[in-house]
Amino acid sequence: MTDINAFIDDKVKSNDVFLFMKGSPDFPQCGFSGQVVQILNYLGVDYESANVLESDDLRQGIKDYSNWPTIPQLYVKGEFVGGCDIIREMFQAGELQKTFEDKGIAVSQSA
């Protein structure tokens, strides 16, 4: 991976919902990533993800890209939405569902 920013930029901009996480949706490798996966799965949102543990460049690159110190990081329609705490709070308040709907992303469950 020569230009990690280009890789990140491509993933963020070519997927409606993209999650940078530790592990994979099937096997999250940290509790915070697991919580975000559970929320997205609960809402039935279609998303892609990248495992930051596979590459030190990616793990550091995504922090630089978003200017956010922690993983996971959720992007919707090219915009950084937040990490685990923000996603969980937005979900509990019904704001995450509204964010998806406002951006034209199908949600199969509403809290």
PDB file of N, CA and C in Angstrom:
ATOM      1  N   MET A   1       0.844  -1.179   0.000  1.00  0.00           N
ATOM      2  CA  MET A   1       0.000   0.000   0.000  1.00  0.00           C
ATOM      3  C   MET A   1       0.886   1.238   0.000  1.00  0.00           C
ATOM      4  N   THR A   2       0.982   1.852  -1.131  1.00  0.00           N
ATOM      5  CA  THR A   2       1.882   3.002  -1.216  1.00  0.00           C
ATOM      6  C   THR A   2       1.267   4.234  -0.576  1.00  0.00           C
ATOM      7  N   ASP A   3       0.050   4.560  -0.986  1.00  0.00           N
ATOM      8  CA  ASP A   3      -0.553   5.759  -0.425  1.00  0.00           C
ATOM      9  C   ASP A   3      -1.777   5.382   0.394  1.00  0.00           C
ATOM     10  N   ILE A   4      -1.584   5.316   1.689  1.00  0.00           N
ATOM     11  CA  ILE A   4      -2.656   4.875   2.580  1.00  0.00           C
ATOM     12  C   ILE A   4      -3.828   5.837   2.548  1.00  0.00           C
ATOM     13  N   ASN A   5      -3.545   7.124   2.398  1.00  0.00           N
ATOM     14  CA  ASN A   5      -4.637   8.101   2.330  1.00  0.00           C
ATOM     15  C   ASN A   5      -5.534   7.881   1.125  1.00  0.00           C
ATOM     16  N   ALA A   6      -4.924   7.526  -0.007  1.00  0.00           N
ATOM     17  CA  ALA A   6      -5.712   7.266  -1.214  1.00  0.00           C
ATOM     18  C   ALA A   6      -6.588   6.031  -1.011  1.00  0.00           C
ATOM     19  N   PHE A   7      -6.040   5.007  -0.361  1.00  0.00           N
ATOM     20  CA  PHE A   7      -6.799   3.792  -0.065  1.00  0.00           C
ATOM     21  C   PHE A   7      -7.997   4.120   0.830  1.00  0.00           C
ATOM     22  N   ILE A   8      -7.736   4.860   1.899  1.00  0.00           N
ATOM     23  CA  ILE A   8      -8.793   5.232   2.843  1.00  0.00           C
ATOM     24  C   ILE A   8      -9.847   6.082   2.143  1.00  0.00           C
ATOM     25  N   ASP A   9      -9.384   7.080   1.404  1.00  0.00           N
ATOM     26  CA  ASP A   9     -10.274   7.988   0.690  1.00  0.00           C
ATOM     27  C   ASP A   9     -11.187   7.218  -0.258  1.00  0.00           C
ATOM     28  N   ASP A  10     -10.612   6.259  -0.957  1.00  0.00           N
ATOM     29  CA  ASP A  10     -11.386   5.445  -1.900  1.00  0.00           C
ATOM     30  C   ASP A  10     -12.460   4.649  -1.167  1.00  0.00           C
ATOM     31  N   LYS A  11     -12.105   4.021  -0.058  1.00  0.00           N
ATOM     32  CA  LYS A  11     -13.064   3.216   0.710  1.00  0.00           C
ATOM     33  C   LYS A  11     -14.193   4.092   1.248  1.00  0.00           C
ATOM     34  N   VAL A  12     -13.825   5.235   1.792  1.00  0.00           N
ATOM     35  CA  VAL A  12     -14.803   6.143   2.395  1.00  0.00           C
ATOM     36  C   VAL A  12     -15.759   6.691   1.338  1.00  0.00           C
ATOM     37  N   LYS A  13     -15.222   7.018   0.160  1.00  0.00           N
ATOM     38  CA  LYS A  13     -16.042   7.670  -0.858  1.00  0.00           C
ATOM     39  C   LYS A  13     -16.773   6.707  -1.783  1.00  0.00           C
ATOM     40  N   SER A  14     -16.309   5.452  -1.870  1.00  0.00           N
ATOM     41  CA  SER A  14     -16.965   4.529  -2.801  1.00  0.00           C
ATOM     42  C   SER A  14     -17.957   3.601  -2.106  1.00  0.00           C
ATOM     43  N   ASN A  15     -18.116   3.730  -0.783  1.00  0.00           N
ATOM     44  CA  ASN A  15     -19.091   2.941  -0.036  1.00  0.00           C
ATOM     45  C   ASN A  15     -20.004   3.884   0.743  1.00  0.00           C
ATOM     46  N   ASP A  16     -21.311   3.632   0.684  1.00  0.00           N
ATOM     47  CA  ASP A  16     -22.252   4.484   1.420  1.00  0.00           C
ATOM     48  C   ASP A  16     -21.980   4.443   2.912  1.00  0.00           C
ATOM     49  N   VAL A  17     -21.695   3.233   3.416  1.00  0.00           N
ATOM     50  CA  VAL A  17     -21.393   3.072   4.847  1.00  0.00           C
ATOM     51  C   VAL A  17     -20.125   2.238   4.951  1.00  0.00           C
ATOM     52  N   PHE A  18     -19.127   2.795   5.623  1.00  0.00           N
ATOM     53  CA  PHE A  18     -17.851   2.084   5.751  1.00  0.00           C
ATOM     54  C   PHE A  18     -17.360   2.163   7.181  1.00  0.00           C
ATOM     55  N   LEU A  19     -16.923   1.012   7.699  1.00  0.00           N
ATOM     56  CA  LEU A  19     -16.450   0.921   9.078  1.00  0.00           C
ATOM     57  C   LEU A  19     -14.991   0.481   9.105  1.00  0.00           C
ATOM     58  N   PHE A  20     -14.144   1.320   9.675  1.00  0.00           N
ATOM     59  CA  PHE A  20     -12.768   0.912   9.963  1.00  0.00           C
ATOM     60  C   PHE A  20     -12.797   0.340  11.362  1.00  0.00           C
ATOM     61  N   MET A  21     -12.388  -0.929  11.513  1.00  0.00           N
ATOM     62  CA  MET A  21     -12.552  -1.620  12.788  1.00  0.00           C
ATOM     63  C   MET A  21     -11.388  -2.549  13.068  1.00  0.00           C
ATOM     64  N   LYS A  22     -11.363  -3.061  14.282  1.00  0.00           N
ATOM     65  CA  LYS A  22     -10.391  -4.095  14.649  1.00  0.00           C
ATOM     66  C   LYS A  22     -11.079  -5.440  14.472  1.00  0.00           C
ATOM     67  N   GLY A  23     -10.569  -6.222  13.539  1.00  0.00           N
ATOM     68  CA  GLY A  23     -11.191  -7.497  13.216  1.00  0.00           C
ATOM     69  C   GLY A  23     -12.142  -7.324  12.046  1.00  0.00           C
ATOM     70  N   SER A  24     -13.093  -8.256  11.939  1.00  0.00           N
ATOM     71  CA  SER A  24     -14.077  -8.224  10.865  1.00  0.00           C
ATOM     72  C   SER A  24     -15.470  -8.278  11.487  1.00  0.00           C
ATOM     73  N   PRO A  25     -16.514  -7.959  10.691  1.00  0.00           N
ATOM     74  CA  PRO A  25     -17.867  -8.026  11.249  1.00  0.00           C
ATOM     75  C   PRO A  25     -18.188  -9.403  11.832  1.00  0.00           C
ATOM     76  N   ASP A  26     -17.646 -10.464  11.246  1.00  0.00           N
ATOM     77  CA  ASP A  26     -17.893 -11.809  11.764  1.00  0.00           C
ATOM     78  C   ASP A  26     -17.076 -12.103  13.017  1.00  0.00           C
ATOM     79  N   PHE A  27     -15.882 -11.507  13.091  1.00  0.00           N
ATOM     80  CA  PHE A  27     -14.994 -11.736  14.236  1.00  0.00           C
ATOM     81  C   PHE A  27     -14.371 -10.426  14.718  1.00  0.00           C
ATOM     82  N   PRO A  28     -15.170  -9.565  15.358  1.00  0.00           N
ATOM     83  CA  PRO A  28     -14.589  -8.322  15.882  1.00  0.00           C
ATOM     84  C   PRO A  28     -13.506  -8.662  16.903  1.00  0.00           C
ATOM     85  N   GLN A  29     -12.409  -7.907  16.883  1.00  0.00           N
ATOM     86  CA  GLN A  29     -11.301  -8.197  17.773  1.00  0.00           C
ATOM     87  C   GLN A  29     -11.149  -7.155  18.873  1.00  0.00           C
ATOM     88  N   CYS A  30     -12.175  -6.357  19.085  1.00  0.00           N
ATOM     89  CA  CYS A  30     -12.242  -5.532  20.282  1.00  0.00           C
ATOM     90  C   CYS A  30     -13.704  -5.253  20.570  1.00  0.00           C
ATOM     91  N   GLY A  31     -14.005  -4.999  21.822  1.00  0.00           N
ATOM     92  CA  GLY A  31     -15.388  -4.800  22.236  1.00  0.00           C
ATOM     93  C   GLY A  31     -16.055  -3.609  21.581  1.00  0.00           C
ATOM     94  N   PHE A  32     -15.275  -2.553  21.359  1.00  0.00           N
ATOM     95  CA  PHE A  32     -15.842  -1.342  20.779  1.00  0.00           C
ATOM     96  C   PHE A  32     -16.253  -1.581  19.329  1.00  0.00           C
ATOM     97  N   SER A  33     -15.369  -2.257  18.574  1.00  0.00           N
ATOM     98  CA  SER A  33     -15.710  -2.599  17.192  1.00  0.00           C
ATOM     99  C   SER A  33     -16.939  -3.508  17.181  1.00  0.00           C
ATOM    100  N   GLY A  34     -16.961  -4.448  18.118  1.00  0.00           N
ATOM    101  CA  GLY A  34     -18.085  -5.378  18.214  1.00  0.00           C
ATOM    102  C   GLY A  34     -19.408  -4.676  18.465  1.00  0.00           C
ATOM    103  N   GLN A  35     -19.388  -3.648  19.314  1.00  0.00           N
ATOM    104  CA  GLN A  35     -20.621  -2.899  19.602  1.00  0.00           C
ATOM    105  C   GLN A  35     -21.144  -2.188  18.371  1.00  0.00           C
ATOM    106  N   VAL A  36     -20.255  -1.570  17.607  1.00  0.00           N
ATOM    107  CA  VAL A  36     -20.685  -0.852  16.404  1.00  0.00           C
ATOM    108  C   VAL A  36     -21.246  -1.845  15.382  1.00  0.00           C
ATOM    109  N   VAL A  37     -20.581  -2.989  15.226  1.00  0.00           N
ATOM    110  CA  VAL A  37     -21.072  -4.039  14.327  1.00  0.00           C
ATOM    111  C   VAL A  37     -22.472  -4.488  14.748  1.00  0.00           C
ATOM    112  N   GLN A  38     -22.667  -4.700  16.053  1.00  0.00           N
ATOM    113  CA  GLN A  38     -23.987  -5.123  16.552  1.00  0.00           C
ATOM    114  C   GLN A  38     -25.055  -4.097  16.211  1.00  0.00           C
ATOM    115  N   ILE A  39     -24.745  -2.833  16.370  1.00  0.00           N
ATOM    116  CA  ILE A  39     -25.710  -1.764  16.073  1.00  0.00           C
ATOM    117  C   ILE A  39     -26.038  -1.751  14.583  1.00  0.00           C
ATOM    118  N   LEU A  40     -24.997  -1.796  13.737  1.00  0.00           N
ATOM    119  CA  LEU A  40     -25.232  -1.784  12.287  1.00  0.00           C
ATOM    120  C   LEU A  40     -26.039  -3.006  11.856  1.00  0.00           C
ATOM    121  N   ASN A  41     -25.695  -4.169  12.418  1.00  0.00           N
ATOM    122  CA  ASN A  41     -26.418  -5.390  12.077  1.00  0.00           C
ATOM    123  C   ASN A  41     -27.866  -5.323  12.560  1.00  0.00           C
ATOM    124  N   TYR A  42     -28.059  -4.779  13.747  1.00  0.00           N
ATOM    125  CA  TYR A  42     -29.408  -4.636  14.298  1.00  0.00           C
ATOM    126  C   TYR A  42     -30.269  -3.761  13.388  1.00  0.00           C
ATOM    127  N   LEU A  43     -29.654  -2.685  12.902  1.00  0.00           N
ATOM    128  CA  LEU A  43     -30.375  -1.762  12.031  1.00  0.00           C
ATOM    129  C   LEU A  43     -30.527  -2.320  10.613  1.00  0.00           C
ATOM    130  N   GLY A  44     -29.802  -3.402  10.326  1.00  0.00           N
ATOM    131  CA  GLY A  44     -29.885  -3.993   8.999  1.00  0.00           C
ATOM    132  C   GLY A  44     -29.257  -3.133   7.920  1.00  0.00           C
ATOM    133  N   VAL A  45     -28.284  -2.325   8.306  1.00  0.00           N
ATOM    134  CA  VAL A  45     -27.612  -1.428   7.354  1.00  0.00           C
ATOM    135  C   VAL A  45     -26.555  -2.207   6.579  1.00  0.00           C
ATOM    136  N   ASP A  46     -26.527  -2.006   5.288  1.00  0.00           N
ATOM    137  CA  ASP A  46     -25.535  -2.627   4.430  1.00  0.00           C
ATOM    138  C   ASP A  46     -24.247  -1.810   4.541  1.00  0.00           C
ATOM    139  N   TYR A  47     -23.143  -2.452   4.897  1.00  0.00           N
ATOM    140  CA  TYR A  47     -21.890  -1.706   5.051  1.00  0.00           C
ATOM    141  C   TYR A  47     -20.694  -2.572   4.678  1.00  0.00           C
ATOM    142  N   GLU A  48     -19.592  -1.903   4.399  1.00  0.00           N
ATOM    143  CA  GLU A  48     -18.310  -2.567   4.151  1.00  0.00           C
ATOM    144  C   GLU A  48     -17.389  -2.196   5.302  1.00  0.00           C
ATOM    145  N   SER A  49     -16.314  -2.982   5.451  1.00  0.00           N
ATOM    146  CA  SER A  49     -15.384  -2.688   6.542  1.00  0.00           C
ATOM    147  C   SER A  49     -13.955  -3.032   6.150  1.00  0.00           C
ATOM    148  N   ALA A  50     -13.021  -2.488   6.922  1.00  0.00           N
ATOM    149  CA  ALA A  50     -11.611  -2.828   6.779  1.00  0.00           C
ATOM    150  C   ALA A  50     -11.052  -3.106   8.166  1.00  0.00           C
ATOM    151  N   ASN A  51     -10.202  -4.127   8.254  1.00  0.00           N
ATOM    152  CA  ASN A  51      -9.571  -4.508   9.503  1.00  0.00           C
ATOM    153  C   ASN A  51      -8.252  -3.755   9.657  1.00  0.00           C
ATOM    154  N   VAL A  52      -8.208  -2.822  10.600  1.00  0.00           N
ATOM    155  CA  VAL A  52      -6.996  -2.011  10.782  1.00  0.00           C
ATOM    156  C   VAL A  52      -5.846  -2.824  11.372  1.00  0.00           C
ATOM    157  N   LEU A  53      -6.143  -4.004  11.926  1.00  0.00           N
ATOM    158  CA  LEU A  53      -5.091  -4.829  12.512  1.00  0.00           C
ATOM    159  C   LEU A  53      -4.224  -5.492  11.432  1.00  0.00           C
ATOM    160  N   GLU A  54      -4.710  -5.479  10.191  1.00  0.00           N
ATOM    161  CA  GLU A  54      -3.950  -6.105   9.109  1.00  0.00           C
ATOM    162  C   GLU A  54      -2.793  -5.240   8.637  1.00  0.00           C
ATOM    163  N   SER A  55      -2.795  -3.969   9.017  1.00  0.00           N
ATOM    164  CA  SER A  55      -1.774  -3.058   8.509  1.00  0.00           C
ATOM    165  C   SER A  55      -1.519  -1.920   9.485  1.00  0.00           C
ATOM    166  N   ASP A  56      -0.253  -1.777   9.908  1.00  0.00           N
ATOM    167  CA  ASP A  56       0.105  -0.650  10.775  1.00  0.00           C
ATOM    168  C   ASP A  56      -0.128   0.675  10.063  1.00  0.00           C
ATOM    169  N   ASP A  57       0.132   0.679   8.740  1.00  0.00           N
ATOM    170  CA  ASP A  57      -0.090   1.899   7.957  1.00  0.00           C
ATOM    171  C   ASP A  57      -1.552   2.315   8.019  1.00  0.00           C
ATOM    172  N   LEU A  58      -2.423   1.322   7.873  1.00  0.00           N
ATOM    173  CA  LEU A  58      -3.854   1.615   7.897  1.00  0.00           C
ATOM    174  C   LEU A  58      -4.291   2.065   9.293  1.00  0.00           C
ATOM    175  N   ARG A  59      -3.784   1.374  10.309  1.00  0.00           N
ATOM    176  CA  ARG A  59      -4.191   1.707  11.678  1.00  0.00           C
ATOM    177  C   ARG A  59      -3.815   3.147  12.016  1.00  0.00           C
ATOM    178  N   GLN A  60      -2.619   3.567  11.637  1.00  0.00           N
ATOM    179  CA  GLN A  60      -2.207   4.950  11.891  1.00  0.00           C
ATOM    180  C   GLN A  60      -2.842   5.898  10.877  1.00  0.00           C
ATOM    181  N   GLY A  61      -2.935   5.430   9.639  1.00  0.00           N
ATOM    182  CA  GLY A  61      -3.447   6.270   8.554  1.00  0.00           C
ATOM    183  C   GLY A  61      -4.866   6.741   8.794  1.00  0.00           C
ATOM    184  N   ILE A  62      -5.719   5.857   9.327  1.00  0.00           N
ATOM    185  CA  ILE A  62      -7.117   6.243   9.534  1.00  0.00           C
ATOM    186  C   ILE A  62      -7.233   7.265  10.659  1.00  0.00           C
ATOM    187  N   LYS A  63      -6.345   7.172  11.644  1.00  0.00           N
ATOM    188  CA  LYS A  63      -6.358   8.165  12.731  1.00  0.00           C
ATOM    189  C   LYS A  63      -5.957   9.536  12.205  1.00  0.00           C
ATOM    190  N   ASP A  64      -4.969   9.546  11.309  1.00  0.00           N
ATOM    191  CA  ASP A  64      -4.525  10.804  10.703  1.00  0.00           C
ATOM    192  C   ASP A  64      -5.610  11.358   9.775  1.00  0.00           C
ATOM    193  N   TYR A  65      -6.226  10.455   9.023  1.00  0.00           N
ATOM    194  CA  TYR A  65      -7.239  10.839   8.029  1.00  0.00           C
ATOM    195  C   TYR A  65      -8.401  11.575   8.692  1.00  0.00           C
ATOM    196  N   SER A  66      -8.868  11.019   9.806  1.00  0.00           N
ATOM    197  CA  SER A  66     -10.051  11.577  10.464  1.00  0.00           C
ATOM    198  C   SER A  66      -9.696  12.569  11.564  1.00  0.00           C
ATOM    199  N   ASN A  67      -8.406  12.575  11.952  1.00  0.00           N
ATOM    200  CA  ASN A  67      -7.975  13.356  13.110  1.00  0.00           C
ATOM    201  C   ASN A  67      -8.742  12.885  14.347  1.00  0.00           C
ATOM    202  N   TRP A  68      -8.942  11.581  14.430  1.00  0.00           N
ATOM    203  CA  TRP A  68      -9.674  10.948  15.538  1.00  0.00           C
ATOM    204  C   TRP A  68      -8.794   9.833  16.075  1.00  0.00           C
ATOM    205  N   PRO A  69      -8.574   9.761  17.399  1.00  0.00           N
ATOM    206  CA  PRO A  69      -7.534   8.877  17.940  1.00  0.00           C
ATOM    207  C   PRO A  69      -7.896   7.395  18.084  1.00  0.00           C
ATOM    208  N   THR A  70      -9.170   7.057  17.948  1.00  0.00           N
ATOM    209  CA  THR A  70      -9.560   5.685  18.263  1.00  0.00           C
ATOM    210  C   THR A  70     -10.231   4.968  17.094  1.00  0.00           C
ATOM    211  N   ILE A  71     -10.227   3.654  17.191  1.00  0.00           N
ATOM    212  CA  ILE A  71     -10.897   2.759  16.263  1.00  0.00           C
ATOM    213  C   ILE A  71     -11.997   2.088  17.085  1.00  0.00           C
ATOM    214  N   PRO A  72     -13.170   1.816  16.606  1.00  0.00           N
ATOM    215  CA  PRO A  72     -13.621   1.914  15.218  1.00  0.00           C
ATOM    216  C   PRO A  72     -13.988   3.345  14.806  1.00  0.00           C
ATOM    217  N   GLN A  73     -14.105   3.499  13.493  1.00  0.00           N
ATOM    218  CA  GLN A  73     -14.552   4.767  12.914  1.00  0.00           C
ATOM    219  C   GLN A  73     -15.580   4.456  11.838  1.00  0.00           C
ATOM    220  N   LEU A  74     -16.723   5.108  11.951  1.00  0.00           N
ATOM    221  CA  LEU A  74     -17.808   4.886  10.994  1.00  0.00           C
ATOM    222  C   LEU A  74     -17.954   6.084  10.068  1.00  0.00           C
ATOM    223  N   TYR A  75     -18.022   5.782   8.777  1.00  0.00           N
ATOM    224  CA  TYR A  75     -18.224   6.806   7.750  1.00  0.00           C
ATOM    225  C   TYR A  75     -19.539   6.537   7.028  1.00  0.00           C
ATOM    226  N   VAL A  76     -20.308   7.607   6.806  1.00  0.00           N
ATOM    227  CA  VAL A  76     -21.561   7.497   6.064  1.00  0.00           C
ATOM    228  C   VAL A  76     -21.520   8.522   4.939  1.00  0.00           C
ATOM    229  N   LYS A  77     -21.654   8.037   3.711  1.00  0.00           N
ATOM    230  CA  LYS A  77     -21.630   8.897   2.515  1.00  0.00           C
ATOM    231  C   LYS A  77     -20.412   9.820   2.524  1.00  0.00           C
ATOM    232  N   GLY A  78     -19.269   9.241   2.867  1.00  0.00           N
ATOM    233  CA  GLY A  78     -18.016  10.002   2.806  1.00  0.00           C
ATOM    234  C   GLY A  78     -17.732  10.871   4.008  1.00  0.00           C
ATOM    235  N   GLU A  79     -18.652  10.909   4.981  1.00  0.00           N
ATOM    236  CA  GLU A  79     -18.438  11.757   6.158  1.00  0.00           C
ATOM    237  C   GLU A  79     -18.173  10.912   7.389  1.00  0.00           C
ATOM    238  N   PHE A  80     -17.216  11.356   8.187  1.00  0.00           N
ATOM    239  CA  PHE A  80     -16.914  10.687   9.453  1.00  0.00           C
ATOM    240  C   PHE A  80     -18.051  10.958  10.430  1.00  0.00           C
ATOM    241  N   VAL A  81     -18.664   9.884  10.945  1.00  0.00           N
ATOM    242  CA  VAL A  81     -19.771  10.043  11.892  1.00  0.00           C
ATOM    243  C   VAL A  81     -19.267   9.961  13.324  1.00  0.00           C
ATOM    244  N   GLY A  82     -18.412   8.970  13.614  1.00  0.00           N
ATOM    245  CA  GLY A  82     -17.879   8.888  14.964  1.00  0.00           C
ATOM    246  C   GLY A  82     -17.342   7.518  15.289  1.00  0.00           C
ATOM    247  N   GLY A  83     -16.920   7.385  16.546  1.00  0.00           N
ATOM    248  CA  GLY A  83     -16.433   6.122  17.068  1.00  0.00           C
ATOM    249  C   GLY A  83     -17.512   5.444  17.886  1.00  0.00           C
ATOM    250  N   CYS A  84     -17.118   4.455  18.656  1.00  0.00           N
ATOM    251  CA  CYS A  84     -18.074   3.616  19.373  1.00  0.00           C
ATOM    252  C   CYS A  84     -19.019   4.413  20.277  1.00  0.00           C
ATOM    253  N   ASP A  85     -18.482   5.280  21.147  1.00  0.00           N
ATOM    254  CA  ASP A  85     -19.333   5.994  22.098  1.00  0.00           C
ATOM    255  C   ASP A  85     -20.355   6.872  21.385  1.00  0.00           C
ATOM    256  N   ILE A  86     -19.896   7.580  20.361  1.00  0.00           N
ATOM    257  CA  ILE A  86     -20.778   8.473  19.607  1.00  0.00           C
ATOM    258  C   ILE A  86     -21.855   7.660  18.886  1.00  0.00           C
ATOM    259  N   ILE A  87     -21.446   6.572  18.244  1.00  0.00           N
ATOM    260  CA  ILE A  87     -22.402   5.729  17.516  1.00  0.00           C
ATOM    261  C   ILE A  87     -23.432   5.153  18.488  1.00  0.00           C
ATOM    262  N   ARG A  88     -22.979   4.673  19.628  1.00  0.00           N
ATOM    263  CA  ARG A  88     -23.898   4.085  20.609  1.00  0.00           C
ATOM    264  C   ARG A  88     -24.888   5.140  21.125  1.00  0.00           C
ATOM    265  N   GLU A  89     -24.388   6.340  21.438  1.00  0.00           N
ATOM    266  CA  GLU A  89     -25.269   7.407  21.926  1.00  0.00           C
ATOM    267  C   GLU A  89     -26.265   7.830  20.849  1.00  0.00           C
ATOM    268  N   MET A  90     -25.791   7.960  19.612  1.00  0.00           N
ATOM    269  CA  MET A  90     -26.681   8.338  18.506  1.00  0.00           C
ATOM    270  C   MET A  90     -27.749   7.265  18.290  1.00  0.00           C
ATOM    271  N   PHE A  91     -27.334   6.002  18.379  1.00  0.00           N
ATOM    272  CA  PHE A  91     -28.266   4.890  18.199  1.00  0.00           C
ATOM    273  C   PHE A  91     -29.354   4.914  19.276  1.00  0.00           C
ATOM    274  N   GLN A  92     -28.929   5.075  20.531  1.00  0.00           N
ATOM    275  CA  GLN A  92     -29.884   5.058  21.645  1.00  0.00           C
ATOM    276  C   GLN A  92     -30.849   6.233  21.565  1.00  0.00           C
ATOM    277  N   ALA A  93     -30.391   7.340  21.019  1.00  0.00           N
ATOM    278  CA  ALA A  93     -31.235   8.533  20.898  1.00  0.00           C
ATOM    279  C   ALA A  93     -32.075   8.525  19.619  1.00  0.00           C
ATOM    280  N   GLY A  94     -31.852   7.520  18.750  1.00  0.00           N
ATOM    281  CA  GLY A  94     -32.576   7.466  17.478  1.00  0.00           C
ATOM    282  C   GLY A  94     -31.959   8.341  16.401  1.00  0.00           C
ATOM    283  N   GLU A  95     -30.825   8.987  16.717  1.00  0.00           N
ATOM    284  CA  GLU A  95     -30.200   9.908  15.753  1.00  0.00           C
ATOM    285  C   GLU A  95     -29.466   9.163  14.643  1.00  0.00           C
ATOM    286  N   LEU A  96     -28.902   7.998  14.970  1.00  0.00           N
ATOM    287  CA  LEU A  96     -28.148   7.244  13.965  1.00  0.00           C
ATOM    288  C   LEU A  96     -29.092   6.780  12.857  1.00  0.00           C
ATOM    289  N   GLN A  97     -30.248   6.259  13.260  1.00  0.00           N
ATOM    290  CA  GLN A  97     -31.243   5.821  12.299  1.00  0.00           C
ATOM    291  C   GLN A  97     -31.643   6.986  11.392  1.00  0.00           C
ATOM    292  N   LYS A  98     -31.854   8.160  11.996  1.00  0.00           N
ATOM    293  CA  LYS A  98     -32.240   9.346  11.232  1.00  0.00           C
ATOM    294  C   LYS A  98     -31.130   9.765  10.273  1.00  0.00           C
ATOM    295  N   THR A  99     -29.878   9.673  10.725  1.00  0.00           N
ATOM    296  CA  THR A  99     -28.735  10.006   9.866  1.00  0.00           C
ATOM    297  C   THR A  99     -28.742   9.126   8.621  1.00  0.00           C
ATOM    298  N   PHE A 100     -28.935   7.812   8.817  1.00  0.00           N
ATOM    299  CA  PHE A 100     -28.981   6.900   7.676  1.00  0.00           C
ATOM    300  C   PHE A 100     -30.140   7.248   6.751  1.00  0.00           C
ATOM    301  N   GLU A 101     -31.316   7.464   7.328  1.00  0.00           N
ATOM    302  CA  GLU A 101     -32.493   7.760   6.517  1.00  0.00           C
ATOM    303  C   GLU A 101     -32.327   9.070   5.761  1.00  0.00           C
ATOM    304  N   ASP A 102     -31.772  10.087   6.443  1.00  0.00           N
ATOM    305  CA  ASP A 102     -31.569  11.394   5.798  1.00  0.00           C
ATOM    306  C   ASP A 102     -30.622  11.272   4.605  1.00  0.00           C
ATOM    307  N   LYS A 103     -29.698  10.321   4.674  1.00  0.00           N
ATOM    308  CA  LYS A 103     -28.723  10.157   3.599  1.00  0.00           C
ATOM    309  C   LYS A 103     -29.164   9.088   2.594  1.00  0.00           C
ATOM    310  N   GLY A 104     -30.390   8.621   2.742  1.00  0.00           N
ATOM    311  CA  GLY A 104     -30.947   7.684   1.766  1.00  0.00           C
ATOM    312  C   GLY A 104     -30.447   6.271   1.912  1.00  0.00           C
ATOM    313  N   ILE A 105     -30.059   5.887   3.123  1.00  0.00           N
ATOM    314  CA  ILE A 105     -29.558   4.527   3.357  1.00  0.00           C
ATOM    315  C   ILE A 105     -30.647   3.720   4.057  1.00  0.00           C
ATOM    316  N   ALA A 106     -30.956   2.560   3.490  1.00  0.00           N
ATOM    317  CA  ALA A 106     -32.039   1.739   4.019  1.00  0.00           C
ATOM    318  C   ALA A 106     -31.727   1.206   5.399  1.00  0.00           C
ATOM    319  N   VAL A 107     -32.702   1.329   6.284  1.00  0.00           N
ATOM    320  CA  VAL A 107     -32.611   0.790   7.632  1.00  0.00           C
ATOM    321  C   VAL A 107     -33.800  -0.148   7.815  1.00  0.00           C
ATOM    322  N   SER A 108     -33.537  -1.391   8.219  1.00  0.00           N
ATOM    323  CA  SER A 108     -34.650  -2.333   8.323  1.00  0.00           C
ATOM    324  C   SER A 108     -35.279  -2.350   9.711  1.00  0.00           C
ATOM    325  N   GLN A 109     -34.562  -1.856  10.709  1.00  0.00           N
ATOM    326  CA  GLN A 109     -35.095  -1.809  12.076  1.00  0.00           C
ATOM    327  C   GLN A 109     -35.031  -0.383  12.560  1.00  0.00           C
ATOM    328  N   SER A 110     -36.024   0.010  13.315  1.00  0.00           N
ATOM    329  CA  SER A 110     -35.871   1.285  14.027  1.00  0.00           C
ATOM    330  C   SER A 110     -36.086   0.997  15.493  1.00  0.00           C
ATOM    331  N   ALA A 111     -35.288   1.613  16.307  1.00  0.00           N
ATOM    332  CA  ALA A 111     -35.309   1.323  17.746  1.00  0.00           C
ATOM    333  C   ALA A 111     -36.625   1.779  18.364  1.00  0.00           C
TER     334      ALA A 111
END
